């Protein structure tokens, strides 16, 4: 249970949920593009620079290798695509709120910003198409069983296989994200009785926030006509009636619950189970 709570509150899990919602949400309810966040752009920049450097160094140190297929042409084209991706990355850094995947009609209606966004969208589409075709060609050339590329060009062969494996992971990312959020997370949530997805959208309260809430023994509570918290004599979380000397806790909205029940609830979601009012309100 604690491991599931930590996962639901982790930044990487929240980021994956934002990505899934952005890619599958309706256009009227789109969130900001998570791939335009500065930490993600920094990771993309590091990956592009690392690939350019590794490919350049490997091709320089393997001049004497003589592969059957033109692996150097494939690596050069892939490296060129990485270099052309750098201006796109810089534009996304300068325009984090601009949508690269908006409708063409909407882009053309925004004058200067629309023209640059339209151009970048077309450039990105062209690069994605180029990388997809190049990925297929690389698989054909490198994994051709009729020729032994590894014997004649070991460095180039290992580099090409590594790049193809990296791209295979990137292309399978949407499917892996679907398996995680639509298959694994619901299964684990039902297994342990803890809604990981819901807890990730509503962050739980801290122990200090919970400790500041008033608590007392149930026998000390004296119901009055104006006390809405005491009209219901049972806890709506566990559906059990309050008994004498049982500890209860009151939330800012005046609703009362069993101490253990509401503490566990607030660690998952910092809002009242009945009226959904947050603790900060």
C-alpha atoms as a PDB file:
ATOM      1  CA  UNK A   1       0.000   0.000   0.000  1.00  0.00           C
ATOM      2  CA  UNK A   2       2.758   2.474   0.908  1.00  0.00           C
ATOM      3  CA  UNK A   3       4.617   1.670  -2.288  1.00  0.00           C
ATOM      4  CA  UNK A   4       1.451   2.344  -4.290  1.00  0.00           C
ATOM      5  CA  UNK A   5       0.977   5.664  -2.481  1.00  0.00           C
ATOM      6  CA  UNK A   6       4.539   6.694  -3.273  1.00  0.00           C
ATOM      7  CA  UNK A   7       4.098   5.759  -6.930  1.00  0.00           C
ATOM      8  CA  UNK A   8       0.834   7.710  -7.197  1.00  0.00           C
ATOM      9  CA  UNK A   9       2.526  10.828  -5.805  1.00  0.00           C
ATOM     10  CA  UNK A  10       5.717  10.507  -7.844  1.00  0.00           C
ATOM     11  CA  UNK A  11       6.421  13.199 -10.412  1.00  0.00           C
ATOM     12  CA  UNK A  12       7.165  10.701 -13.172  1.00  0.00           C
ATOM     13  CA  UNK A  13       3.755   9.054 -12.735  1.00  0.00           C
ATOM     14  CA  UNK A  14       1.990  12.419 -12.846  1.00  0.00           C
ATOM     15  CA  UNK A  15       3.969  13.265 -15.976  1.00  0.00           C
ATOM     16  CA  UNK A  16       2.902  10.023 -17.672  1.00  0.00           C
ATOM     17  CA  UNK A  17      -0.735  10.752 -16.851  1.00  0.00           C
ATOM     18  CA  UNK A  18      -0.372  14.241 -18.350  1.00  0.00           C
ATOM     19  CA  UNK A  19       1.126  12.728 -21.502  1.00  0.00           C
ATOM     20  CA  UNK A  20      -1.689  10.183 -21.801  1.00  0.00           C
ATOM     21  CA  UNK A  21      -4.357  12.831 -21.247  1.00  0.00           C
ATOM     22  CA  UNK A  22      -2.727  15.179 -23.765  1.00  0.00           C
ATOM     23  CA  UNK A  23      -2.483  12.500 -26.442  1.00  0.00           C
ATOM     24  CA  UNK A  24      -5.970  11.053 -25.927  1.00  0.00           C
ATOM     25  CA  UNK A  25      -8.034  14.002 -24.670  1.00  0.00           C
ATOM     26  CA  UNK A  26     -10.513  15.943 -26.765  1.00  0.00           C
ATOM     27  CA  UNK A  27      -9.398  19.175 -28.392  1.00  0.00           C
ATOM     28  CA  UNK A  28     -11.797  21.161 -26.188  1.00  0.00           C
ATOM     29  CA  UNK A  29     -10.123  19.825 -23.044  1.00  0.00           C
ATOM     30  CA  UNK A  30      -6.455  19.688 -23.983  1.00  0.00           C
ATOM     31  CA  UNK A  31      -3.905  20.360 -21.275  1.00  0.00           C
ATOM     32  CA  UNK A  32      -0.599  22.069 -21.926  1.00  0.00           C
ATOM     33  CA  UNK A  33       1.849  20.003 -23.932  1.00  0.00           C
ATOM     34  CA  UNK A  34       3.978  18.105 -21.365  1.00  0.00           C
ATOM     35  CA  UNK A  35       6.700  17.585 -23.986  1.00  0.00           C
ATOM     36  CA  UNK A  36       7.321  21.347 -24.052  1.00  0.00           C
ATOM     37  CA  UNK A  37       8.273  21.447 -20.381  1.00  0.00           C
ATOM     38  CA  UNK A  38      11.853  22.552 -19.785  1.00  0.00           C
ATOM     39  CA  UNK A  39      13.008  19.357 -18.016  1.00  0.00           C
ATOM     40  CA  UNK A  40      11.774  17.240 -20.930  1.00  0.00           C
ATOM     41  CA  UNK A  41      13.341  19.591 -23.484  1.00  0.00           C
ATOM     42  CA  UNK A  42      16.629  19.319 -21.593  1.00  0.00           C
ATOM     43  CA  UNK A  43      16.433  15.518 -21.800  1.00  0.00           C
ATOM     44  CA  UNK A  44      15.722  15.696 -25.537  1.00  0.00           C
ATOM     45  CA  UNK A  45      18.659  18.048 -26.050  1.00  0.00           C
ATOM     46  CA  UNK A  46      20.995  15.762 -24.105  1.00  0.00           C
ATOM     47  CA  UNK A  47      19.828  12.733 -26.113  1.00  0.00           C
ATOM     48  CA  UNK A  48      20.291  14.515 -29.459  1.00  0.00           C
ATOM     49  CA  UNK A  49      23.743  15.846 -28.591  1.00  0.00           C
ATOM     50  CA  UNK A  50      24.835  12.450 -27.252  1.00  0.00           C
ATOM     51  CA  UNK A  51      23.697  10.694 -30.434  1.00  0.00           C
ATOM     52  CA  UNK A  52      25.419  13.227 -32.692  1.00  0.00           C
ATOM     53  CA  UNK A  53      28.688  12.947 -30.767  1.00  0.00           C
ATOM     54  CA  UNK A  54      28.642   9.132 -30.555  1.00  0.00           C
ATOM     55  CA  UNK A  55      27.821   8.701 -34.253  1.00  0.00           C
ATOM     56  CA  UNK A  56      30.499  11.194 -35.315  1.00  0.00           C
ATOM     57  CA  UNK A  57      33.191   9.615 -33.142  1.00  0.00           C
ATOM     58  CA  UNK A  58      32.297   6.065 -34.198  1.00  0.00           C
ATOM     59  CA  UNK A  59      32.309   6.905 -37.895  1.00  0.00           C
ATOM     60  CA  UNK A  60      35.668   8.634 -37.499  1.00  0.00           C
ATOM     61  CA  UNK A  61      37.283   5.688 -35.705  1.00  0.00           C
ATOM     62  CA  UNK A  62      35.854   3.051 -38.082  1.00  0.00           C
ATOM     63  CA  UNK A  63      37.119   4.329 -41.413  1.00  0.00           C
ATOM     64  CA  UNK A  64      38.814   1.014 -42.218  1.00  0.00           C
ATOM     65  CA  UNK A  65      35.620  -1.005 -41.814  1.00  0.00           C
ATOM     66  CA  UNK A  66      33.929  -2.123 -45.040  1.00  0.00           C
ATOM     67  CA  UNK A  67      30.278  -3.102 -44.436  1.00  0.00           C
ATOM     68  CA  UNK A  68      28.192  -4.843 -47.101  1.00  0.00           C
ATOM     69  CA  UNK A  69      25.316  -2.390 -46.906  1.00  0.00           C
ATOM     70  CA  UNK A  70      25.940   1.405 -46.905  1.00  0.00           C
ATOM     71  CA  UNK A  71      25.718   1.730 -43.140  1.00  0.00           C
ATOM     72  CA  UNK A  72      27.695   4.963 -43.223  1.00  0.00           C
ATOM     73  CA  UNK A  73      25.058   6.526 -45.461  1.00  0.00           C
ATOM     74  CA  UNK A  74      22.371   5.392 -43.033  1.00  0.00           C
ATOM     75  CA  UNK A  75      24.257   6.801 -40.040  1.00  0.00           C
ATOM     76  CA  UNK A  76      24.955  10.058 -41.874  1.00  0.00           C
ATOM     77  CA  UNK A  77      21.276  10.492 -42.731  1.00  0.00           C
ATOM     78  CA  UNK A  78      20.241   9.715 -39.168  1.00  0.00           C
ATOM     79  CA  UNK A  79      22.805  12.165 -37.822  1.00  0.00           C
ATOM     80  CA  UNK A  80      21.571  14.833 -40.229  1.00  0.00           C
ATOM     81  CA  UNK A  81      18.040  14.316 -38.944  1.00  0.00           C
ATOM     82  CA  UNK A  82      19.268  14.834 -35.380  1.00  0.00           C
ATOM     83  CA  UNK A  83      20.998  18.077 -36.352  1.00  0.00           C
ATOM     84  CA  UNK A  84      17.848  19.345 -38.087  1.00  0.00           C
ATOM     85  CA  UNK A  85      15.871  18.532 -34.941  1.00  0.00           C
ATOM     86  CA  UNK A  86      17.875  21.053 -32.907  1.00  0.00           C
ATOM     87  CA  UNK A  87      16.186  24.171 -34.413  1.00  0.00           C
ATOM     88  CA  UNK A  88      12.794  22.581 -33.732  1.00  0.00           C
ATOM     89  CA  UNK A  89      13.826  21.935 -30.150  1.00  0.00           C
ATOM     90  CA  UNK A  90      14.934  25.550 -29.748  1.00  0.00           C
ATOM     91  CA  UNK A  91      11.635  26.813 -31.180  1.00  0.00           C
ATOM     92  CA  UNK A  92       9.683  24.669 -28.711  1.00  0.00           C
ATOM     93  CA  UNK A  93      11.813  26.137 -25.918  1.00  0.00           C
ATOM     94  CA  UNK A  94      11.043  29.693 -27.062  1.00  0.00           C
ATOM     95  CA  UNK A  95       7.326  28.977 -27.593  1.00  0.00           C
ATOM     96  CA  UNK A  96       6.319  26.479 -24.890  1.00  0.00           C
ATOM     97  CA  UNK A  97       2.605  27.327 -25.109  1.00  0.00           C
ATOM     98  CA  UNK A  98       2.353  27.116 -28.881  1.00  0.00           C
ATOM     99  CA  UNK A  99       0.704  23.942 -30.117  1.00  0.00           C
ATOM    100  CA  UNK A 100       2.528  22.164 -32.910  1.00  0.00           C
ATOM    101  CA  UNK A 101      -0.426  19.877 -33.510  1.00  0.00           C
ATOM    102  CA  UNK A 102      -3.255  22.399 -33.769  1.00  0.00           C
ATOM    103  CA  UNK A 103      -5.546  22.630 -36.764  1.00  0.00           C
ATOM    104  CA  UNK A 104      -4.183  24.289 -39.889  1.00  0.00           C
ATOM    105  CA  UNK A 105      -7.167  26.637 -40.032  1.00  0.00           C
ATOM    106  CA  UNK A 106      -6.462  27.850 -36.511  1.00  0.00           C
ATOM    107  CA  UNK A 107      -2.788  28.367 -37.260  1.00  0.00           C
ATOM    108  CA  UNK A 108      -3.446  30.468 -40.363  1.00  0.00           C
ATOM    109  CA  UNK A 109      -5.738  32.776 -38.415  1.00  0.00           C
ATOM    110  CA  UNK A 110      -3.040  33.934 -35.996  1.00  0.00           C
ATOM    111  CA  UNK A 111      -0.868  36.018 -38.378  1.00  0.00           C
ATOM    112  CA  UNK A 112       2.869  35.938 -37.552  1.00  0.00           C
ATOM    113  CA  UNK A 113       2.783  33.378 -34.755  1.00  0.00           C
ATOM    114  CA  UNK A 114       0.534  31.227 -36.890  1.00  0.00           C
ATOM    115  CA  UNK A 115       2.933  31.175 -39.849  1.00  0.00           C
ATOM    116  CA  UNK A 116       5.900  30.142 -37.702  1.00  0.00           C
ATOM    117  CA  UNK A 117       3.828  27.506 -35.929  1.00  0.00           C
ATOM    118  CA  UNK A 118       2.568  26.184 -39.266  1.00  0.00           C
ATOM    119  CA  UNK A 119       6.114  26.003 -40.648  1.00  0.00           C
ATOM    120  CA  UNK A 120       7.430  24.222 -37.570  1.00  0.00           C
ATOM    121  CA  UNK A 121       4.539  21.795 -37.661  1.00  0.00           C
ATOM    122  CA  UNK A 122       5.281  20.912 -41.282  1.00  0.00           C
ATOM    123  CA  UNK A 123       9.000  20.567 -40.522  1.00  0.00           C
ATOM    124  CA  UNK A 124       8.304  18.291 -37.593  1.00  0.00           C
ATOM    125  CA  UNK A 125       5.966  16.149 -39.686  1.00  0.00           C
ATOM    126  CA  UNK A 126       8.624  15.850 -42.390  1.00  0.00           C
ATOM    127  CA  UNK A 127      11.293  14.821 -39.878  1.00  0.00           C
ATOM    128  CA  UNK A 128       9.012  12.244 -38.264  1.00  0.00           C
ATOM    129  CA  UNK A 129       8.247  10.765 -41.677  1.00  0.00           C
ATOM    130  CA  UNK A 130      11.950  10.743 -42.551  1.00  0.00           C
ATOM    131  CA  UNK A 131      12.901   8.976 -39.305  1.00  0.00           C
ATOM    132  CA  UNK A 132      10.135   6.395 -39.815  1.00  0.00           C
ATOM    133  CA  UNK A 133      11.344   5.546 -43.339  1.00  0.00           C
ATOM    134  CA  UNK A 134      14.968   5.575 -42.193  1.00  0.00           C
ATOM    135  CA  UNK A 135      14.091   3.223 -39.339  1.00  0.00           C
ATOM    136  CA  UNK A 136      12.619   0.678 -41.771  1.00  0.00           C
ATOM    137  CA  UNK A 137      15.606   0.940 -44.105  1.00  0.00           C
ATOM    138  CA  UNK A 138      17.994   0.461 -41.201  1.00  0.00           C
ATOM    139  CA  UNK A 139      16.238  -2.726 -40.124  1.00  0.00           C
ATOM    140  CA  UNK A 140      16.464  -4.117 -43.664  1.00  0.00           C
ATOM    141  CA  UNK A 141      20.139  -3.299 -44.094  1.00  0.00           C
ATOM    142  CA  UNK A 142      21.390  -4.280 -40.660  1.00  0.00           C
ATOM    143  CA  UNK A 143      19.398  -7.449 -39.985  1.00  0.00           C
ATOM    144  CA  UNK A 144      19.806  -8.954 -43.462  1.00  0.00           C
ATOM    145  CA  UNK A 145      20.792 -12.561 -42.734  1.00  0.00           C
ATOM    146  CA  UNK A 146      22.435 -13.043 -46.132  1.00  0.00           C
ATOM    147  CA  UNK A 147      25.413 -10.882 -45.225  1.00  0.00           C
ATOM    148  CA  UNK A 148      27.564 -10.763 -42.121  1.00  0.00           C
ATOM    149  CA  UNK A 149      27.698  -7.053 -41.304  1.00  0.00           C
ATOM    150  CA  UNK A 150      29.143  -7.659 -37.856  1.00  0.00           C
ATOM    151  CA  UNK A 151      32.220  -9.485 -39.185  1.00  0.00           C
ATOM    152  CA  UNK A 152      33.088  -6.789 -41.707  1.00  0.00           C
ATOM    153  CA  UNK A 153      32.099  -3.713 -39.657  1.00  0.00           C
ATOM    154  CA  UNK A 154      31.703  -4.524 -35.946  1.00  0.00           C
ATOM    155  CA  UNK A 155      31.698  -0.931 -34.661  1.00  0.00           C
ATOM    156  CA  UNK A 156      29.220   0.332 -37.217  1.00  0.00           C
ATOM    157  CA  UNK A 157      27.011  -2.723 -36.758  1.00  0.00           C
ATOM    158  CA  UNK A 158      26.838  -2.352 -32.962  1.00  0.00           C
ATOM    159  CA  UNK A 159      26.130   1.371 -33.273  1.00  0.00           C
ATOM    160  CA  UNK A 160      23.330   0.811 -35.788  1.00  0.00           C
ATOM    161  CA  UNK A 161      21.737  -1.921 -33.664  1.00  0.00           C
ATOM    162  CA  UNK A 162      21.860   0.363 -30.614  1.00  0.00           C
ATOM    163  CA  UNK A 163      20.215   3.220 -32.511  1.00  0.00           C
ATOM    164  CA  UNK A 164      17.507   0.928 -33.873  1.00  0.00           C
ATOM    165  CA  UNK A 165      16.811  -0.433 -30.386  1.00  0.00           C
ATOM    166  CA  UNK A 166      16.549   3.119 -29.025  1.00  0.00           C
ATOM    167  CA  UNK A 167      14.108   4.115 -31.760  1.00  0.00           C
ATOM    168  CA  UNK A 168      12.082   0.941 -31.247  1.00  0.00           C
ATOM    169  CA  UNK A 169      11.588   1.949 -27.606  1.00  0.00           C
ATOM    170  CA  UNK A 170      10.522   5.457 -28.639  1.00  0.00           C
ATOM    171  CA  UNK A 171       8.031   4.160 -31.201  1.00  0.00           C
ATOM    172  CA  UNK A 172       6.561   1.707 -28.694  1.00  0.00           C
ATOM    173  CA  UNK A 173       6.233   4.373 -25.960  1.00  0.00           C
ATOM    174  CA  UNK A 174       2.501   5.080 -26.629  1.00  0.00           C
ATOM    175  CA  UNK A 175       1.720   1.356 -26.466  1.00  0.00           C
ATOM    176  CA  UNK A 176       3.757   0.924 -23.266  1.00  0.00           C
ATOM    177  CA  UNK A 177       2.006   3.951 -21.765  1.00  0.00           C
ATOM    178  CA  UNK A 178      -1.361   2.424 -22.654  1.00  0.00           C
ATOM    179  CA  UNK A 179      -0.409  -0.881 -20.998  1.00  0.00           C
ATOM    180  CA  UNK A 180       0.748   0.915 -17.847  1.00  0.00           C
ATOM    181  CA  UNK A 181      -2.191   3.284 -17.326  1.00  0.00           C
ATOM    182  CA  UNK A 182      -5.040   1.242 -18.824  1.00  0.00           C
ATOM    183  CA  UNK A 183      -4.034  -2.306 -17.851  1.00  0.00           C
ATOM    184  CA  UNK A 184      -1.441  -2.445 -15.072  1.00  0.00           C
ATOM    185  CA  UNK A 185      -2.651   0.476 -12.924  1.00  0.00           C
ATOM    186  CA  UNK A 186      -6.344  -0.616 -12.803  1.00  0.00           C
ATOM    187  CA  UNK A 187      -5.311  -4.205 -12.057  1.00  0.00           C
ATOM    188  CA  UNK A 188      -3.025  -3.165  -9.187  1.00  0.00           C
ATOM    189  CA  UNK A 189      -5.648  -0.704  -7.882  1.00  0.00           C
ATOM    190  CA  UNK A 190      -8.298  -3.436  -7.711  1.00  0.00           C
ATOM    191  CA  UNK A 191      -5.828  -5.872  -6.196  1.00  0.00           C
ATOM    192  CA  UNK A 192      -4.772  -3.655  -3.275  1.00  0.00           C
ATOM    193  CA  UNK A 193      -7.954  -1.587  -2.987  1.00  0.00           C
ATOM    194  CA  UNK A 194      -6.217   1.730  -3.673  1.00  0.00           C
ATOM    195  CA  UNK A 195      -7.035   3.985  -6.622  1.00  0.00           C
ATOM    196  CA  UNK A 196      -3.581   4.977  -7.859  1.00  0.00           C
ATOM    197  CA  UNK A 197      -4.912   7.085 -10.719  1.00  0.00           C
ATOM    198  CA  UNK A 198      -7.243   9.111  -8.507  1.00  0.00           C
ATOM    199  CA  UNK A 199      -4.568   9.639  -5.872  1.00  0.00           C
ATOM    200  CA  UNK A 200      -2.130  10.926  -8.482  1.00  0.00           C
ATOM    201  CA  UNK A 201      -4.512  13.729  -9.509  1.00  0.00           C
ATOM    202  CA  UNK A 202      -5.317  14.818  -5.948  1.00  0.00           C
ATOM    203  CA  UNK A 203      -2.211  14.958  -3.802  1.00  0.00           C
ATOM    204  CA  UNK A 204      -2.630  13.786  -0.236  1.00  0.00           C
ATOM    205  CA  UNK A 205      -2.212  15.910   2.860  1.00  0.00           C
ATOM    206  CA  UNK A 206       0.990  15.978   4.874  1.00  0.00           C
ATOM    207  CA  UNK A 207       1.247  14.603   8.395  1.00  0.00           C
ATOM    208  CA  UNK A 208       1.495  18.149   9.805  1.00  0.00           C
ATOM    209  CA  UNK A 209      -1.744  19.164   8.095  1.00  0.00           C
ATOM    210  CA  UNK A 210      -3.527  16.114   9.468  1.00  0.00           C
ATOM    211  CA  UNK A 211      -2.144  16.635  12.985  1.00  0.00           C
ATOM    212  CA  UNK A 212      -3.483  20.212  13.116  1.00  0.00           C
ATOM    213  CA  UNK A 213      -7.070  19.047  12.640  1.00  0.00           C
ATOM    214  CA  UNK A 214      -9.148  18.787  15.862  1.00  0.00           C
ATOM    215  CA  UNK A 215      -9.741  15.360  17.387  1.00  0.00           C
ATOM    216  CA  UNK A 216     -11.623  14.075  20.438  1.00  0.00           C
ATOM    217  CA  UNK A 217     -13.448  11.112  21.947  1.00  0.00           C
ATOM    218  CA  UNK A 218     -16.919  10.577  20.599  1.00  0.00           C
ATOM    219  CA  UNK A 219     -18.571  10.608  24.029  1.00  0.00           C
ATOM    220  CA  UNK A 220     -17.412  14.205  24.512  1.00  0.00           C
ATOM    221  CA  UNK A 221     -19.301  15.409  21.436  1.00  0.00           C
ATOM    222  CA  UNK A 222     -22.568  17.132  22.351  1.00  0.00           C
ATOM    223  CA  UNK A 223     -24.852  17.448  19.320  1.00  0.00           C
ATOM    224  CA  UNK A 224     -26.698  20.701  18.813  1.00  0.00           C
ATOM    225  CA  UNK A 225     -29.264  21.860  16.300  1.00  0.00           C
ATOM    226  CA  UNK A 226     -26.711  23.919  14.406  1.00  0.00           C
ATOM    227  CA  UNK A 227     -23.935  21.317  14.396  1.00  0.00           C
ATOM    228  CA  UNK A 228     -24.162  19.668  10.992  1.00  0.00           C
ATOM    229  CA  UNK A 229     -21.155  17.505  11.791  1.00  0.00           C
ATOM    230  CA  UNK A 230     -23.042  15.495  14.398  1.00  0.00           C
ATOM    231  CA  UNK A 231     -26.313  14.883  12.563  1.00  0.00           C
ATOM    232  CA  UNK A 232     -24.996  11.647  11.113  1.00  0.00           C
ATOM    233  CA  UNK A 233     -23.995   9.162  13.780  1.00  0.00           C
ATOM    234  CA  UNK A 234     -21.931   6.929  11.509  1.00  0.00           C
ATOM    235  CA  UNK A 235     -18.678   7.296   9.587  1.00  0.00           C
ATOM    236  CA  UNK A 236     -19.319   7.542   5.852  1.00  0.00           C
ATOM    237  CA  UNK A 237     -15.894   6.055   5.082  1.00  0.00           C
ATOM    238  CA  UNK A 238     -16.239   2.710   6.852  1.00  0.00           C
ATOM    239  CA  UNK A 239     -20.069   2.912   7.261  1.00  0.00           C
ATOM    240  CA  UNK A 240     -19.775   1.965  10.950  1.00  0.00           C
ATOM    241  CA  UNK A 241     -21.545   3.795  13.775  1.00  0.00           C
ATOM    242  CA  UNK A 242     -19.552   5.782  16.292  1.00  0.00           C
ATOM    243  CA  UNK A 243     -19.120   4.141  19.681  1.00  0.00           C
ATOM    244  CA  UNK A 244     -18.250   5.611  23.066  1.00  0.00           C
ATOM    245  CA  UNK A 245     -14.628   6.593  23.673  1.00  0.00           C
ATOM    246  CA  UNK A 246     -13.854   6.181  19.981  1.00  0.00           C
ATOM    247  CA  UNK A 247     -11.550   8.833  18.553  1.00  0.00           C
ATOM    248  CA  UNK A 248     -12.960  11.022  15.803  1.00  0.00           C
ATOM    249  CA  UNK A 249     -11.541  13.895  13.795  1.00  0.00           C
ATOM    250  CA  UNK A 250     -13.274  16.987  12.449  1.00  0.00           C
ATOM    251  CA  UNK A 251     -12.419  18.591   9.112  1.00  0.00           C
ATOM    252  CA  UNK A 252     -12.649  22.348   8.374  1.00  0.00           C
ATOM    253  CA  UNK A 253     -16.037  21.737   6.708  1.00  0.00           C
ATOM    254  CA  UNK A 254     -17.337  20.471  10.128  1.00  0.00           C
ATOM    255  CA  UNK A 255     -17.765  16.881   8.944  1.00  0.00           C
ATOM    256  CA  UNK A 256     -16.632  14.258  11.467  1.00  0.00           C
ATOM    257  CA  UNK A 257     -15.144  10.825  10.747  1.00  0.00           C
ATOM    258  CA  UNK A 258     -13.305   8.051  12.525  1.00  0.00           C
ATOM    259  CA  UNK A 259      -9.754   9.135  13.269  1.00  0.00           C
ATOM    260  CA  UNK A 260      -8.064   6.199  11.533  1.00  0.00           C
ATOM    261  CA  UNK A 261     -10.445   6.293   8.569  1.00  0.00           C
ATOM    262  CA  UNK A 262     -10.086   9.969   7.786  1.00  0.00           C
ATOM    263  CA  UNK A 263      -6.327  10.005   8.405  1.00  0.00           C
ATOM    264  CA  UNK A 264      -5.829   7.267   5.839  1.00  0.00           C
ATOM    265  CA  UNK A 265      -8.172   9.068   3.440  1.00  0.00           C
ATOM    266  CA  UNK A 266      -6.363  12.404   3.791  1.00  0.00           C
ATOM    267  CA  UNK A 267      -3.003  10.791   3.085  1.00  0.00           C
ATOM    268  CA  UNK A 268      -4.442   9.794  -0.279  1.00  0.00           C
ATOM    269  CA  UNK A 269      -6.581  12.865  -1.043  1.00  0.00           C
ATOM    270  CA  UNK A 270      -6.592  16.150   0.887  1.00  0.00           C
ATOM    271  CA  UNK A 271     -10.344  16.727   0.590  1.00  0.00           C
ATOM    272  CA  UNK A 272     -13.444  15.836   2.559  1.00  0.00           C
ATOM    273  CA  UNK A 273     -15.006  12.508   1.497  1.00  0.00           C
ATOM    274  CA  UNK A 274     -18.498  14.062   1.664  1.00  0.00           C
ATOM    275  CA  UNK A 275     -18.346  17.622   0.315  1.00  0.00           C
ATOM    276  CA  UNK A 276     -14.935  17.377  -1.453  1.00  0.00           C
ATOM    277  CA  UNK A 277     -13.771  20.619   0.189  1.00  0.00           C
ATOM    278  CA  UNK A 278      -9.985  20.779   0.402  1.00  0.00           C
ATOM    279  CA  UNK A 279      -8.109  21.262   3.637  1.00  0.00           C
ATOM    280  CA  UNK A 280      -6.564  24.487   2.356  1.00  0.00           C
ATOM    281  CA  UNK A 281     -10.039  25.981   1.958  1.00  0.00           C
END
